[in-house]
Each structure stands twice: as structure tokens, then as C-alpha cells.
C-alpha atoms as a PDB file:
ATOM      1  CA  MET A   1       0.000   0.000   0.000  1.00  0.00           C
ATOM      2  CA  GLN A   2       1.204   3.490  -0.861  1.00  0.00           C
ATOM      3  CA  ARG A   3       1.459   5.692   2.223  1.00  0.00           C
ATOM      4  CA  ILE A   4      -1.553   7.943   2.781  1.00  0.00           C
ATOM      5  CA  LYS A   5      -0.662  11.612   3.204  1.00  0.00           C
ATOM      6  CA  ILE A   6      -2.885  12.629   6.088  1.00  0.00           C
ATOM      7  CA  GLY A   7      -3.511  15.284   8.731  1.00  0.00           C
ATOM      8  CA  GLN A   8      -5.873  15.733  11.649  1.00  0.00           C
ATOM      9  CA  ILE A   9      -8.368  18.537  12.258  1.00  0.00           C
ATOM     10  CA  GLY A  10      -9.287  18.918  15.909  1.00  0.00           C
ATOM     11  CA  ALA A  11      -7.953  17.327  19.064  1.00  0.00           C
ATOM     12  CA  GLU A  12     -10.869  17.701  21.494  1.00  0.00           C
ATOM     13  CA  HIS A  13     -12.971  14.619  20.734  1.00  0.00           C
ATOM     14  CA  ASP A  14     -12.628  11.803  23.283  1.00  0.00           C
ATOM     15  CA  HIS A  15     -11.140   9.580  20.546  1.00  0.00           C
ATOM     16  CA  ALA A  16      -8.855  12.249  19.070  1.00  0.00           C
ATOM     17  CA  GLY A  17      -5.751  11.226  20.990  1.00  0.00           C
ATOM     18  CA  GLU A  18      -6.198   7.556  20.122  1.00  0.00           C
ATOM     19  CA  ILE A  19      -6.605   8.363  16.440  1.00  0.00           C
ATOM     20  CA  MET A  20      -3.414  10.457  16.518  1.00  0.00           C
ATOM     21  CA  ARG A  21      -1.589   7.666  18.369  1.00  0.00           C
ATOM     22  CA  THR A  22      -2.651   5.252  15.643  1.00  0.00           C
ATOM     23  CA  LEU A  23      -1.533   7.520  12.790  1.00  0.00           C
ATOM     24  CA  LYS A  24       1.888   7.821  14.470  1.00  0.00           C
ATOM     25  CA  LYS A  25       2.090   4.094  15.234  1.00  0.00           C
ATOM     26  CA  TYR A  26       1.897   3.048  11.578  1.00  0.00           C
ATOM     27  CA  PRO A  27       4.287   5.256   9.572  1.00  0.00           C
ATOM     28  CA  GLU A  28       4.386   2.611   6.856  1.00  0.00           C
ATOM     29  CA  VAL A  29       0.670   3.301   6.276  1.00  0.00           C
ATOM     30  CA  PHE A  30       0.277   6.996   7.144  1.00  0.00           C
ATOM     31  CA  ASP A  31       2.430   9.938   6.101  1.00  0.00           C
ATOM     32  CA  LEU A  32       1.377  12.263   8.917  1.00  0.00           C
ATOM     33  CA  VAL A  33       1.883  15.912   7.971  1.00  0.00           C
ATOM     34  CA  GLY A  34       0.464  17.600  11.072  1.00  0.00           C
ATOM     35  CA  PHE A  35      -2.653  18.645  12.927  1.00  0.00           C
ATOM     36  CA  ALA A  36      -4.796  21.737  13.430  1.00  0.00           C
ATOM     37  CA  VAL A  37      -6.869  22.895  16.377  1.00  0.00           C
ATOM     38  CA  PRO A  38      -9.866  25.029  15.370  1.00  0.00           C
ATOM     39  CA  GLU A  39     -10.311  28.315  17.195  1.00  0.00           C
ATOM     40  CA  GLY A  40     -11.960  27.889  20.571  1.00  0.00           C
ATOM     41  CA  GLU A  41     -11.130  24.193  20.880  1.00  0.00           C
ATOM     42  CA  LYS A  42      -8.561  22.424  23.035  1.00  0.00           C
ATOM     43  CA  ILE A  43      -6.162  19.470  22.885  1.00  0.00           C
ATOM     44  CA  ALA A  44      -7.662  16.751  25.076  1.00  0.00           C
ATOM     45  CA  ALA A  45      -4.592  14.434  25.122  1.00  0.00           C
ATOM     46  CA  PRO A  46      -1.486  16.650  24.637  1.00  0.00           C
ATOM     47  CA  LYS A  47       1.049  13.803  24.973  1.00  0.00           C
ATOM     48  CA  GLN A  48      -0.264  12.101  21.845  1.00  0.00           C
ATOM     49  CA  TYR A  49       0.611  15.205  19.787  1.00  0.00           C
ATOM     50  CA  GLU A  50       4.229  15.556  20.858  1.00  0.00           C
ATOM     51  CA  GLY A  51       6.515  15.758  17.841  1.00  0.00           C
ATOM     52  CA  VAL A  52       3.655  16.458  15.412  1.00  0.00           C
ATOM     53  CA  SER A  53       3.579  19.774  13.543  1.00  0.00           C
ATOM     54  CA  GLN A  54       0.729  22.075  14.514  1.00  0.00           C
ATOM     55  CA  MET A  55      -0.727  24.522  12.001  1.00  0.00           C
ATOM     56  CA  SER A  56      -3.964  26.326  11.224  1.00  0.00           C
ATOM     57  CA  VAL A  57      -6.862  24.531   9.577  1.00  0.00           C
ATOM     58  CA  GLU A  58      -6.291  26.412   6.320  1.00  0.00           C
ATOM     59  CA  GLU A  59      -2.562  25.641   6.366  1.00  0.00           C
ATOM     60  CA  LEU A  60      -3.288  21.962   6.895  1.00  0.00           C
ATOM     61  CA  LEU A  61      -5.823  21.784   4.090  1.00  0.00           C
ATOM     62  CA  ALA A  62      -3.355  23.530   1.780  1.00  0.00           C
ATOM     63  CA  VAL A  63      -0.504  21.014   2.310  1.00  0.00           C
ATOM     64  CA  PRO A  64       0.638  19.881  -1.180  1.00  0.00           C
ATOM     65  CA  GLY A  65      -0.399  16.323  -1.981  1.00  0.00           C
ATOM     66  CA  LEU A  66      -2.660  15.953   1.071  1.00  0.00           C
ATOM     67  CA  GLN A  67      -4.999  13.014   0.506  1.00  0.00           C
ATOM     68  CA  ALA A  68      -7.013  12.673   3.690  1.00  0.00           C
ATOM     69  CA  VAL A  69      -7.860  14.112   7.091  1.00  0.00           C
ATOM     70  CA  THR A  70      -9.248  12.735  10.300  1.00  0.00           C
ATOM     71  CA  VAL A  71     -11.799  15.067  11.873  1.00  0.00           C
ATOM     72  CA  GLU A  72     -11.626  14.888  15.671  1.00  0.00           C
ATOM     73  CA  THR A  73     -13.150  18.181  16.783  1.00  0.00           C
ATOM     74  CA  TYR A  74     -15.725  18.869  19.471  1.00  0.00           C
ATOM     75  CA  GLU A  75     -18.772  16.800  18.518  1.00  0.00           C
ATOM     76  CA  LEU A  76     -20.971  19.702  17.415  1.00  0.00           C
ATOM     77  CA  ASN A  77     -18.261  20.894  14.994  1.00  0.00           C
ATOM     78  CA  LEU A  78     -17.594  17.557  13.293  1.00  0.00           C
ATOM     79  CA  THR A  79     -19.747  17.969  10.183  1.00  0.00           C
ATOM     80  CA  LYS A  80     -18.579  21.579   9.701  1.00  0.00           C
ATOM     81  CA  TYR A  81     -14.915  20.660   9.324  1.00  0.00           C
ATOM     82  CA  ALA A  82     -15.579  17.350   7.578  1.00  0.00           C
ATOM     83  CA  THR A  83     -17.584  19.207   4.927  1.00  0.00           C
ATOM     84  CA  MET A  84     -14.791  21.752   4.551  1.00  0.00           C
ATOM     85  CA  ALA A  85     -12.291  18.969   3.814  1.00  0.00           C
ATOM     86  CA  ILE A  86     -14.654  17.022   1.563  1.00  0.00           C
ATOM     87  CA  LYS A  87     -15.234  20.104  -0.601  1.00  0.00           C
ATOM     88  CA  ARG A  88     -11.436  20.247  -1.045  1.00  0.00           C
ATOM     89  CA  GLY A  89     -11.607  16.762  -2.535  1.00  0.00           C
ATOM     90  CA  LEU A  90     -10.080  15.032   0.506  1.00  0.00           C
ATOM     91  CA  ALA A  91     -10.973  11.652   1.939  1.00  0.00           C
ATOM     92  CA  VAL A  92     -12.374  12.040   5.457  1.00  0.00           C
ATOM     93  CA  HIS A  93     -12.493   9.937   8.580  1.00  0.00           C
ATOM     94  CA  MET A  94     -14.999  11.740  10.818  1.00  0.00           C
ATOM     95  CA  ASP A  95     -15.567  10.687  14.381  1.00  0.00           C
ATOM     96  CA  LYS A  96     -19.014   9.820  15.583  1.00  0.00           C
ATOM     97  CA  PRO A  97     -21.793  10.764  15.305  1.00  0.00           C
ATOM     98  CA  GLY A  98     -21.511  14.132  13.522  1.00  0.00           C
ATOM     99  CA  GLY A  99     -22.968  17.513  14.468  1.00  0.00           C
ATOM    100  CA  SER A 100     -26.498  17.902  15.803  1.00  0.00           C
ATOM    101  CA  GLU A 101     -28.156  19.354  12.700  1.00  0.00           C
ATOM    102  CA  LEU A 102     -29.626  17.005  10.110  1.00  0.00           C
ATOM    103  CA  SER A 103     -29.453  19.629   7.345  1.00  0.00           C
ATOM    104  CA  ALA A 104     -25.686  20.033   7.870  1.00  0.00           C
ATOM    105  CA  PHE A 105     -25.175  16.267   7.758  1.00  0.00           C
ATOM    106  CA  GLU A 106     -27.228  16.049   4.567  1.00  0.00           C
ATOM    107  CA  GLU A 107     -25.119  18.803   3.014  1.00  0.00           C
ATOM    108  CA  MET A 108     -21.967  16.895   3.958  1.00  0.00           C
ATOM    109  CA  ILE A 109     -23.223  13.662   2.399  1.00  0.00           C
ATOM    110  CA  SER A 110     -24.172  15.547  -0.778  1.00  0.00           C
ATOM    111  CA  ALA A 111     -20.619  16.919  -0.904  1.00  0.00           C
ATOM    112  CA  VAL A 112     -19.229  13.376  -0.515  1.00  0.00           C
ATOM    113  CA  GLN A 113     -21.294  12.186  -3.462  1.00  0.00           C
ATOM    114  CA  GLU A 114     -20.528  15.222  -5.623  1.00  0.00           C
ATOM    115  CA  ASN A 115     -16.778  15.005  -5.023  1.00  0.00           C
ATOM    116  CA  GLY A 116     -16.551  11.200  -5.127  1.00  0.00           C
ATOM    117  CA  VAL A 117     -14.355  11.001  -2.013  1.00  0.00           C
ATOM    118  CA  VAL A 118     -14.041   8.347   0.680  1.00  0.00           C
ATOM    119  CA  PHE A 119     -16.144   9.097   3.766  1.00  0.00           C
ATOM    120  CA  HIS A 120     -15.569   6.992   6.857  1.00  0.00           C
ATOM    121  CA  THR A 121     -17.031   7.297  10.361  1.00  0.00           C
ATOM    122  CA  GLY A 122     -15.620   6.448  13.782  1.00  0.00           C
ATOM    123  CA  TYR A 123     -17.885   3.558  14.729  1.00  0.00           C
ATOM    124  CA  MET A 124     -15.089   1.314  15.954  1.00  0.00           C
ATOM    125  CA  TYR A 125     -17.362  -1.613  16.881  1.00  0.00           C
ATOM    126  CA  ARG A 126     -17.807  -2.256  13.157  1.00  0.00           C
ATOM    127  CA  TYR A 127     -14.250  -3.609  13.229  1.00  0.00           C
ATOM    128  CA  ASN A 128     -14.531  -5.711  16.403  1.00  0.00           C
ATOM    129  CA  PRO A 129     -13.641  -9.318  15.431  1.00  0.00           C
ATOM    130  CA  ALA A 130     -16.407 -10.786  17.595  1.00  0.00           C
ATOM    131  CA  VAL A 131     -18.971  -8.480  15.966  1.00  0.00           C
ATOM    132  CA  LEU A 132     -17.746  -9.406  12.484  1.00  0.00           C
ATOM    133  CA  LYS A 133     -17.981 -13.111  13.309  1.00  0.00           C
ATOM    134  CA  LEU A 134     -21.465 -12.563  14.711  1.00  0.00           C
ATOM    135  CA  LYS A 135     -22.506 -10.691  11.568  1.00  0.00           C
ATOM    136  CA  GLN A 136     -21.283 -13.585   9.426  1.00  0.00           C
ATOM    137  CA  ARG A 137     -23.232 -16.104  11.496  1.00  0.00           C
ATOM    138  CA  ILE A 138     -26.386 -14.048  11.149  1.00  0.00           C
ATOM    139  CA  GLU A 139     -25.943 -13.846   7.373  1.00  0.00           C
ATOM    140  CA  ASN A 140     -25.219 -17.584   7.210  1.00  0.00           C
ATOM    141  CA  GLY A 141     -28.482 -18.306   9.026  1.00  0.00           C
ATOM    142  CA  GLU A 142     -26.797 -19.982  12.008  1.00  0.00           C
ATOM    143  CA  LEU A 143     -28.911 -18.023  14.489  1.00  0.00           C
ATOM    144  CA  GLY A 144     -32.089 -18.441  12.493  1.00  0.00           C
ATOM    145  CA  GLU A 145     -34.563 -15.560  12.377  1.00  0.00           C
ATOM    146  CA  ILE A 146     -33.231 -12.668  14.463  1.00  0.00           C
ATOM    147  CA  TYR A 147     -35.880 -11.165  16.705  1.00  0.00           C
ATOM    148  CA  SER A 148     -33.868  -9.164  19.239  1.00  0.00           C
ATOM    149  CA  VAL A 149     -30.723  -7.108  19.695  1.00  0.00           C
ATOM    150  CA  GLU A 150     -29.944  -5.755  23.170  1.00  0.00           C
ATOM    151  CA  ALA A 151     -27.038  -3.367  23.612  1.00  0.00           C
ATOM    152  CA  HIS A 152     -25.485  -1.625  26.613  1.00  0.00           C
ATOM    153  CA  MET A 153     -22.662   0.921  26.630  1.00  0.00           C
ATOM    154  CA  ASP A 154     -22.332   2.368  30.114  1.00  0.00           C
ATOM    155  CA  CYS A 155     -19.751   4.265  32.130  1.00  0.00           C
ATOM    156  CA  GLY A 156     -19.333   6.304  35.306  1.00  0.00           C
ATOM    157  CA  HIS A 157     -18.545   9.920  34.442  1.00  0.00           C
ATOM    158  CA  SER A 158     -18.167  12.882  36.773  1.00  0.00           C
ATOM    159  CA  ALA A 159     -21.081  15.221  37.421  1.00  0.00           C
ATOM    160  CA  ALA A 160     -19.367  17.883  35.296  1.00  0.00           C
ATOM    161  CA  LYS A 161     -19.006  15.502  32.337  1.00  0.00           C
ATOM    162  CA  ARG A 162     -22.622  14.378  32.668  1.00  0.00           C
ATOM    163  CA  GLU A 163     -23.878  17.969  32.765  1.00  0.00           C
ATOM    164  CA  TRP A 164     -21.794  18.605  29.623  1.00  0.00           C
ATOM    165  CA  LEU A 165     -24.017  16.071  27.837  1.00  0.00           C
ATOM    166  CA  GLY A 166     -26.807  18.624  27.924  1.00  0.00           C
ATOM    167  CA  ALA A 167     -25.263  20.311  24.878  1.00  0.00           C
ATOM    168  CA  PHE A 168     -26.350  17.358  22.731  1.00  0.00           C
ATOM    169  CA  PRO A 169     -29.814  16.260  21.630  1.00  0.00           C
ATOM    170  CA  GLY A 170     -30.648  13.230  23.720  1.00  0.00           C
ATOM    171  CA  GLY A 171     -27.521  13.715  25.846  1.00  0.00           C
ATOM    172  CA  MET A 172     -25.930  10.329  26.450  1.00  0.00           C
ATOM    173  CA  MET A 173     -27.852   8.743  23.582  1.00  0.00           C
ATOM    174  CA  PHE A 174     -26.130  11.128  21.174  1.00  0.00           C
ATOM    175  CA  PHE A 175     -22.698  10.832  22.824  1.00  0.00           C
ATOM    176  CA  LEU A 176     -22.324   7.047  23.206  1.00  0.00           C
ATOM    177  CA  GLY A 177     -25.720   5.558  22.425  1.00  0.00           C
ATOM    178  CA  CYS A 178     -25.003   6.307  18.770  1.00  0.00           C
ATOM    179  CA  HIS A 179     -22.575   3.354  18.749  1.00  0.00           C
ATOM    180  CA  LEU A 180     -25.388   1.059  19.847  1.00  0.00           C
ATOM    181  CA  ILE A 181     -27.900   2.327  17.313  1.00  0.00           C
ATOM    182  CA  ASP A 182     -25.203   1.703  14.704  1.00  0.00           C
ATOM    183  CA  MET A 183     -24.710  -1.859  15.982  1.00  0.00           C
ATOM    184  CA  ALA A 184     -28.413  -2.678  16.081  1.00  0.00           C
ATOM    185  CA  ILE A 185     -28.803  -1.527  12.482  1.00  0.00           C
ATOM    186  CA  PHE A 186     -25.596  -3.284  11.395  1.00  0.00           C
ATOM    187  CA  LEU A 187     -26.778  -6.610  12.829  1.00  0.00           C
ATOM    188  CA  ARG A 188     -30.528  -6.417  12.254  1.00  0.00           C
ATOM    189  CA  GLY A 189     -31.279  -3.705   9.738  1.00  0.00           C
ATOM    190  CA  PHE A 190     -33.266  -0.506   9.990  1.00  0.00           C
ATOM    191  CA  PRO A 191     -36.304  -0.601  12.298  1.00  0.00           C
ATOM    192  CA  GLU A 192     -39.858   0.426  11.472  1.00  0.00           C
ATOM    193  CA  GLU A 193     -39.966   2.791  14.424  1.00  0.00           C
ATOM    194  CA  ILE A 194     -37.635   4.189  17.086  1.00  0.00           C
ATOM    195  CA  VAL A 195     -39.058   5.291  20.431  1.00  0.00           C
ATOM    196  CA  PRO A 196     -36.736   7.327  22.713  1.00  0.00           C
ATOM    197  CA  TYR A 197     -36.867   7.144  26.520  1.00  0.00           C
ATOM    198  CA  ASN A 198     -33.945   9.383  27.478  1.00  0.00           C
ATOM    199  CA  ALA A 199     -33.793  10.821  30.977  1.00  0.00           C
ATOM    200  CA  SER A 200     -31.646  12.377  33.678  1.00  0.00           C
ATOM    201  CA  THR A 201     -30.653  10.323  36.705  1.00  0.00           C
ATOM    202  CA  GLY A 202     -30.401  13.484  38.774  1.00  0.00           C
ATOM    203  CA  ILE A 203     -27.396  12.007  40.572  1.00  0.00           C
ATOM    204  CA  GLY A 204     -25.086  14.724  41.881  1.00  0.00           C
ATOM    205  CA  GLY A 205     -27.599  17.381  40.892  1.00  0.00           C
ATOM    206  CA  VAL A 206     -27.117  16.724  37.163  1.00  0.00           C
ATOM    207  CA  THR A 207     -30.059  17.845  35.038  1.00  0.00           C
ATOM    208  CA  ALA A 208     -28.769  16.742  31.619  1.00  0.00           C
ATOM    209  CA  PRO A 209     -30.052  13.484  30.051  1.00  0.00           C
ATOM    210  CA  ASP A 210     -27.260  11.175  31.249  1.00  0.00           C
ATOM    211  CA  TYR A 211     -29.393   8.036  30.828  1.00  0.00           C
ATOM    212  CA  GLY A 212     -30.105   7.092  27.243  1.00  0.00           C
ATOM    213  CA  PHE A 213     -32.615   4.429  26.279  1.00  0.00           C
ATOM    214  CA  ALA A 214     -34.416   3.701  23.018  1.00  0.00           C
ATOM    215  CA  VAL A 215     -36.686   0.955  21.723  1.00  0.00           C
ATOM    216  CA  LEU A 216     -36.367  -0.166  18.109  1.00  0.00           C
ATOM    217  CA  LYS A 217     -39.500  -1.784  16.714  1.00  0.00           C
ATOM    218  CA  TYR A 218     -39.300  -4.467  14.015  1.00  0.00           C
ATOM    219  CA  PRO A 219     -42.024  -6.585  12.382  1.00  0.00           C
ATOM    220  CA  ASN A 220     -41.049  -9.645  14.446  1.00  0.00           C
ATOM    221  CA  GLY A 221     -40.041  -8.114  17.775  1.00  0.00           C
ATOM    222  CA  VAL A 222     -38.314  -5.243  19.512  1.00  0.00           C
ATOM    223  CA  SER A 223     -34.705  -4.381  20.270  1.00  0.00           C
ATOM    224  CA  PHE A 224     -33.298  -1.836  22.688  1.00  0.00           C
ATOM    225  CA  VAL A 225     -30.174   0.198  23.343  1.00  0.00           C
ATOM    226  CA  LYS A 226     -29.132   1.673  26.688  1.00  0.00           C
ATOM    227  CA  SER A 227     -26.273   4.008  27.543  1.00  0.00           C
ATOM    228  CA  CYS A 228     -25.884   5.451  31.032  1.00  0.00           C
ATOM    229  CA  ALA A 229     -23.115   7.848  32.102  1.00  0.00           C
ATOM    230  CA  ALA A 230     -23.742   7.468  35.847  1.00  0.00           C
ATOM    231  CA  GLU A 231     -23.432   3.719  36.277  1.00  0.00           C
ATOM    232  CA  VAL A 232     -21.066   2.297  38.885  1.00  0.00           C
ATOM    233  CA  GLY A 233     -19.222  -0.527  37.139  1.00  0.00           C
ATOM    234  CA  GLY A 234     -20.723   0.511  33.823  1.00  0.00           C
ATOM    235  CA  TYR A 235     -17.678  -0.458  31.780  1.00  0.00           C
ATOM    236  CA  MET A 236     -17.878  -4.090  32.881  1.00  0.00           C
ATOM    237  CA  ARG A 237     -21.547  -4.213  31.840  1.00  0.00           C
ATOM    238  CA  ARG A 238     -20.989  -3.126  28.261  1.00  0.00           C
ATOM    239  CA  GLN A 239     -22.552  -5.909  26.264  1.00  0.00           C
ATOM    240  CA  LEU A 240     -24.294  -6.916  23.082  1.00  0.00           C
ATOM    241  CA  VAL A 241     -26.831  -9.736  22.925  1.00  0.00           C
ATOM    242  CA  VAL A 242     -28.347 -11.101  19.719  1.00  0.00           C
ATOM    243  CA  THR A 243     -31.105 -13.708  19.868  1.00  0.00           C
ATOM    244  CA  GLY A 244     -32.602 -15.703  17.047  1.00  0.00           C
ATOM    245  CA  SER A 245     -34.827 -18.723  16.514  1.00  0.00           C
ATOM    246  CA  LYS A 246     -31.796 -21.066  16.400  1.00  0.00           C
ATOM    247  CA  GLY A 247     -29.437 -19.559  18.936  1.00  0.00           C
ATOM    248  CA  SER A 248     -28.135 -16.681  21.003  1.00  0.00           C
ATOM    249  CA  VAL A 249     -24.799 -14.894  21.248  1.00  0.00           C
ATOM    250  CA  GLN A 250     -23.710 -12.577  24.050  1.00  0.00           C
ATOM    251  CA  LEU A 251     -20.647 -10.326  23.906  1.00  0.00           C
ATOM    252  CA  LEU A 252     -19.594  -9.576  27.492  1.00  0.00           C
ATOM    253  CA  PRO A 253     -17.420  -7.806  28.332  1.00  0.00           C
ATOM    254  CA  PHE A 254     -17.799  -5.866  25.109  1.00  0.00           C
ATOM    255  CA  GLU A 255     -14.237  -4.574  24.684  1.00  0.00           C
ATOM    256  CA  ALA A 256     -12.337  -4.716  27.967  1.00  0.00           C
ATOM    257  CA  MET A 257      -8.760  -3.557  28.539  1.00  0.00           C
ATOM    258  CA  VAL A 258      -6.191  -6.361  28.622  1.00  0.00           C
ATOM    259  CA  ASP A 259      -3.987  -4.459  31.079  1.00  0.00           C
ATOM    260  CA  TYR A 260      -5.370  -1.044  31.942  1.00  0.00           C
ATOM    261  CA  GLY A 261      -2.821   1.739  31.715  1.00  0.00           C
ATOM    262  CA  ARG A 262      -0.116  -0.479  30.238  1.00  0.00           C
ATOM    263  CA  THR A 263      -1.475  -1.344  26.806  1.00  0.00           C
ATOM    264  CA  THR A 264      -4.089  -0.204  24.310  1.00  0.00           C
ATOM    265  CA  ASP A 265      -5.072  -3.786  23.536  1.00  0.00           C
ATOM    266  CA  ILE A 266      -8.590  -4.957  24.313  1.00  0.00           C
ATOM    267  CA  TYR A 267     -10.586  -8.169  24.079  1.00  0.00           C
ATOM    268  CA  THR A 268     -14.233  -9.219  23.919  1.00  0.00           C
ATOM    269  CA  GLY A 269     -15.786 -12.128  25.789  1.00  0.00           C
ATOM    270  CA  VAL A 270     -18.238 -14.326  23.886  1.00  0.00           C
ATOM    271  CA  ARG A 271     -20.909 -16.724  25.107  1.00  0.00           C
ATOM    272  CA  GLU A 272     -22.974 -18.582  22.574  1.00  0.00           C
ATOM    273  CA  CYS A 273     -25.600 -21.276  22.421  1.00  0.00           C
ATOM    274  CA  LEU A 274     -26.411 -22.434  18.912  1.00  0.00           C
ATOM    275  CA  ASP A 275     -28.101 -25.719  19.756  1.00  0.00           C
ATOM    276  CA  THR A 276     -31.813 -25.318  20.439  1.00  0.00           C
ATOM    277  CA  SER A 277     -32.026 -28.826  21.921  1.00  0.00           C
ATOM    278  CA  ARG A 278     -29.919 -27.855  24.948  1.00  0.00           C
ATOM    279  CA  SER A 279     -31.523 -27.128  28.286  1.00  0.00           C
ATOM    280  CA  TRP A 280     -32.372 -23.512  29.097  1.00  0.00           C
ATOM    281  CA  TRP A 281     -29.915 -23.381  32.005  1.00  0.00           C
ATOM    282  CA  ASN A 282     -26.896 -24.293  29.873  1.00  0.00           C
ATOM    283  CA  ASP A 283     -25.364 -21.010  28.673  1.00  0.00           C
ATOM    284  CA  GLY A 284     -23.310 -22.646  25.952  1.00  0.00           C
ATOM    285  CA  PHE A 285     -19.761 -22.243  24.748  1.00  0.00           C
ATOM    286  CA  ARG A 286     -17.510 -19.445  26.047  1.00  0.00           C
ATOM    287  CA  TYR A 287     -14.357 -17.904  24.638  1.00  0.00           C
ATOM    288  CA  THR A 288     -12.593 -14.576  24.280  1.00  0.00           C
ATOM    289  CA  THR A 289     -11.181 -12.882  21.219  1.00  0.00           C
ATOM    290  CA  PRO A 290      -7.416 -12.490  20.931  1.00  0.00           C
ATOM    291  CA  ALA A 291      -6.170  -9.083  22.085  1.00  0.00           C
ATOM    292  CA  PHE A 292      -6.530  -6.381  19.446  1.00  0.00           C
ATOM    293  CA  ASP A 293      -6.211  -2.628  18.989  1.00  0.00           C
ATOM    294  CA  ARG A 294      -9.642  -1.254  18.094  1.00  0.00           C
ATOM    295  CA  TYR A 295      -8.293   1.903  16.444  1.00  0.00           C
ATOM    296  CA  ALA A 296      -5.658   0.094  14.386  1.00  0.00           C
ATOM    297  CA  ALA A 297      -8.263  -2.022  12.615  1.00  0.00           C
ATOM    298  CA  MET A 298     -10.491   0.964  12.001  1.00  0.00           C
ATOM    299  CA  MET A 299      -7.822   3.297  10.649  1.00  0.00           C
ATOM    300  CA  LYS A 300      -6.111   0.645   8.547  1.00  0.00           C
ATOM    301  CA  GLY A 301      -9.518  -0.048   7.052  1.00  0.00           C
ATOM    302  CA  PHE A 302      -9.869   3.643   6.205  1.00  0.00           C
ATOM    303  CA  ALA A 303      -6.410   3.650   4.611  1.00  0.00           C
ATOM    304  CA  SER A 304      -7.307   0.676   2.420  1.00  0.00           C
ATOM    305  CA  TYR A 305     -10.381   2.561   1.142  1.00  0.00           C
ATOM    306  CA  VAL A 306      -8.374   5.696   0.413  1.00  0.00           C
ATOM    307  CA  ALA A 307      -5.733   3.633  -1.410  1.00  0.00           C
ATOM    308  CA  GLY A 308      -8.435   1.983  -3.521  1.00  0.00           C
ATOM    309  CA  GLU A 309      -7.526  -1.497  -2.303  1.00  0.00           C
ATOM    310  CA  LYS A 310     -10.961  -2.103  -0.804  1.00  0.00           C
ATOM    311  CA  GLU A 311     -14.397  -0.573  -1.133  1.00  0.00           C
ATOM    312  CA  ASN A 312     -15.992   0.978   1.932  1.00  0.00           C
ATOM    313  CA  PRO A 313     -18.976  -1.284   2.749  1.00  0.00           C
ATOM    314  CA  PHE A 314     -20.811   1.649   4.341  1.00  0.00           C
ATOM    315  CA  SER A 315     -22.097   3.972   1.640  1.00  0.00           C
ATOM    316  CA  PRO A 316     -22.793   7.696   2.134  1.00  0.00           C
ATOM    317  CA  ASP A 317     -26.537   6.985   1.957  1.00  0.00           C
ATOM    318  CA  TYR A 318     -26.177   4.306   4.626  1.00  0.00           C
ATOM    319  CA  GLU A 319     -24.305   6.711   6.907  1.00  0.00           C
ATOM    320  CA  LEU A 320     -27.041   9.300   6.442  1.00  0.00           C
ATOM    321  CA  ALA A 321     -29.737   6.758   7.295  1.00  0.00           C
ATOM    322  CA  VAL A 322     -27.845   5.728  10.455  1.00  0.00           C
ATOM    323  CA  TYR A 323     -27.508   9.380  11.462  1.00  0.00           C
ATOM    324  CA  ARG A 324     -31.231   9.953  10.997  1.00  0.00           C
ATOM    325  CA  ALA A 325     -31.929   6.918  13.178  1.00  0.00           C
ATOM    326  CA  ILE A 326     -29.632   8.294  15.879  1.00  0.00           C
ATOM    327  CA  LEU A 327     -31.478  11.611  15.892  1.00  0.00           C
ATOM    328  CA  LEU A 328     -34.783   9.759  16.257  1.00  0.00           C
ATOM    329  CA  ALA A 329     -33.331   7.874  19.245  1.00  0.00           C
ATOM    330  CA  CYS A 330     -32.309  11.256  20.649  1.00  0.00           C
ATOM    331  CA  GLY A 331     -35.890  12.524  20.401  1.00  0.00           C
ATOM    332  CA  ARG A 332     -35.403  14.682  17.311  1.00  0.00           C
END
């Protein structure tokens, strides 16, 4: 693969530092030219940017031979800067889920289609090996007719962080619940209806919606997604459960650190029961995925699309439909 000449716009997104770390980690894949911090934004993980040239947004976009950018700004600014780069003819990796305005997202997708560039979003679970294996089993019919997807993505944030969620439609559903809406659609398809039940726990005096919940209605059942920012032990409860007429698969923990603070590697635990003749109390076969770097798989995938070696399986129209579903789950 020819090296991808790339830069980063923004450093405030929670994933910004990890994306920069990944670009630096694979110099044989990425020719990193620098990064830019839009006015009014901050650098959330300064250590990850040591040794990388900083410039203005305009200077970065004007770098000769630039092929791509990663957009890692504050969430509400994502579509603004992604659109700016797309209109320059650049491939874009934009972190999730995009700004809060549907019209701006639609304009961005139109620009992608008009300019014929690669557009890639930061839904890292799409690259989780256990998820990909599960997707294959669903398509192969091993689980039979799928009638339910249940997804949790919880954490325990400070009161200040949870109040910060009030800037987004749906609060926690917009911030992290978007990953779960993406997974439910990836594994089961688009629902007939989405009913939001977002709320504030009120813990610590927080008034923002730090508890996200949405029901997805399908012809043969319902699915749900839940994302709470105030849950003690929330990280260990992150899970994905898919049930069908021939079997069930549970991912738990859904991406846990191998050695917290010492490595970026993670793993996913899997429990499965694919034999309908087994007793209800037998929870089936258990295993864990080998350790992997979630951002490496995602960004190498992006590079392969930019290089023309592979075709992005998620079209611009698909990304727009997912975004619309997320807004519905947020109550928009």
C-alpha cells in the first residue's frame, strides 16, 4: 500500500488522541503531515501530539499532496470541518456521530457524493472481530430468524461531564448511544420505528439526560439500546446480545482492557448457544477474542479505502440513514 498523506483537524474529541496515536504508530501506512486545532477548541490528550507539527486549519488543508484528514473536533463541529475537507476533494475519517443538525449532515453527504471522495465514520465496533464473526453467522443463518438485539454501553462519568451532555440532543444517547444504534442496524437492519426514553438520573444534581434508552421496533419483535453515564461498574456491563430462533450470542465484556494503563489492547468475551435442543440453564460455549487494537483495525480499514484497495462497505446513503436513526433515538 502506498502511504496515505494525512492530517488531523481537531484534538478535542474523546477519541482524538487515540486516532493520533494510531496515525503515528503506523508510519508505513500513514504519512502524517500535522494537525490543526480550530479556534476555541482544546487538545484533550497533549502527549499524543508531541513531535507532530501544529498549524492552522487552512494551512493543513493547503498542504501539497494531502490526501485525507481525520476530523476529531468537538462533537458539534464535526460535520462543519468534515464538509470543509470534503469540498477540497479530501478523503475524510470523521468521528461519531456528527454535528447535531440534520441539514448540515445532509449537506456533507451531498458533498461526498458530488466530489466522489471516501467518507468513513468512527464507529469502531464495526471492526470488532467478535462483531464481524457474529454478523457472518447471522448472514449464514446460524442463528435463524433474528428477533432481538440488546445493547449496553455504560460508564461512570463525573457530574461535570454528565452535565456537559446537555449540549447534545438526547444527551448520552447522542454521545455514546449512537454506537449502539449503529450496531443494532448493522446486525438487524433498519427498524420500522424508534421510540426514545432518554432521561436524567439526577445524581449529583445533574439535570442533563445522562441516561439514554431507546426501543427499536421491528415486524417480528423489539430491540433496545441503553447508555448510562452514571453507572457504577458501567464499563464491565458493556454488552451486546443477539437472539434468534436457532441460537443466542452474548458479547460480554464488550471490549475490555487487557492491562489497563499499560497497553491499548482490548478483548471481547463471547458466550454462545447455537443448539436449540440444549436445556435452558446451559449457557453454551464461552471464549474470548485475541487481544486487538480497536483503532488500528479501524484506521487501517480507512487507509485501504483511500488507497483503492478495498471498497468501503458503508455507503454515504447508509451513513445518512444511520444518522437519521440516531437523531430519532435522541428525540429529534
